[in-house]
Amino acid sequence: MGLDLAMAIDVWTPGVIVAMSISALVTLGSYYYSAFYQPRKMERAYRKALYSLAAAVETRDSGTIGHAERVADYAVAVAKELGVSRSECLRIEYAALLRDIGKVRVPASLLNKKTKLTPEEWEKLKAHSIYGAEMVGSVPFLAFLADLILHHHECWDGSGYPDGIAGEDIPLGARILALTTDYDALTSERPYHTPQPPETALEEIKRGSGTRYDPRVVEAFIKVLKSRGITE
């Protein structure tokens, strides 16, 4: 399923991709929740399928290959550092994988544009979080991810989008995703910038503590990077 979808995404229209994505997720969710007698086995299969779907979506945006998987890895590590429950860690992991699924409704030419977006183009791109929340929200077995997907671009000080909520009003998982998404973007090759060294990217994250990012999440992220030997 994942490979076929990935190969087809380059030629399918956004509407077809959305329909196929939702159909696949409904099927996956049904298998996962009906197999209560093999919960861990089906959990692994469910996770694998979500990783495949995330990779398929990323084929439309050449600068984000592997981005979802890396963000999921960072996000779960930060959540664990903060003492988040196992079930919530899974929710954060799944949301990290699907947080950009709404980009299937954004033109690929816009996603891969190498020059600065116009204000109108930027508004179209920002809508991906709304689209993504709507998509997973329409799937009963994935609706529990909708709030994290909707708010993963909100800022601690209320300057983010789409709702401009601030502080503790932003779900913790979304606060974690906001930071880990930005860090991976800063340290990865993109059409509009070259990757920054980890230390440089971390300094930028630190500068956003208390404004763009939850200070508690920043501190947890610093500990994660140090524990992995990425920064000192």
Foldseek 3Di string as FASTA:
>chain_A
DLVVLLVCLVPDALVVNLVVVLVVLLVLLVVQVVPPVPNVVSLVVSLVVLLSNLQSLCSLQVQCRVLLVQLLVLLLQLCVLVVHDPVVNSLLSSLSSQLQVLCSNPHSCLNQPLDDDDPVSVVSNLCSLVSSLVSLCVRVSRNVNSLLSNQLQEFQAQPGDDPSDHHVVRPPSSLSSVLSSQLSSQQTDGSHDHHDQNVVSLVVSVVRDPTRHPVSSNVSSVVVCVVVVSDD
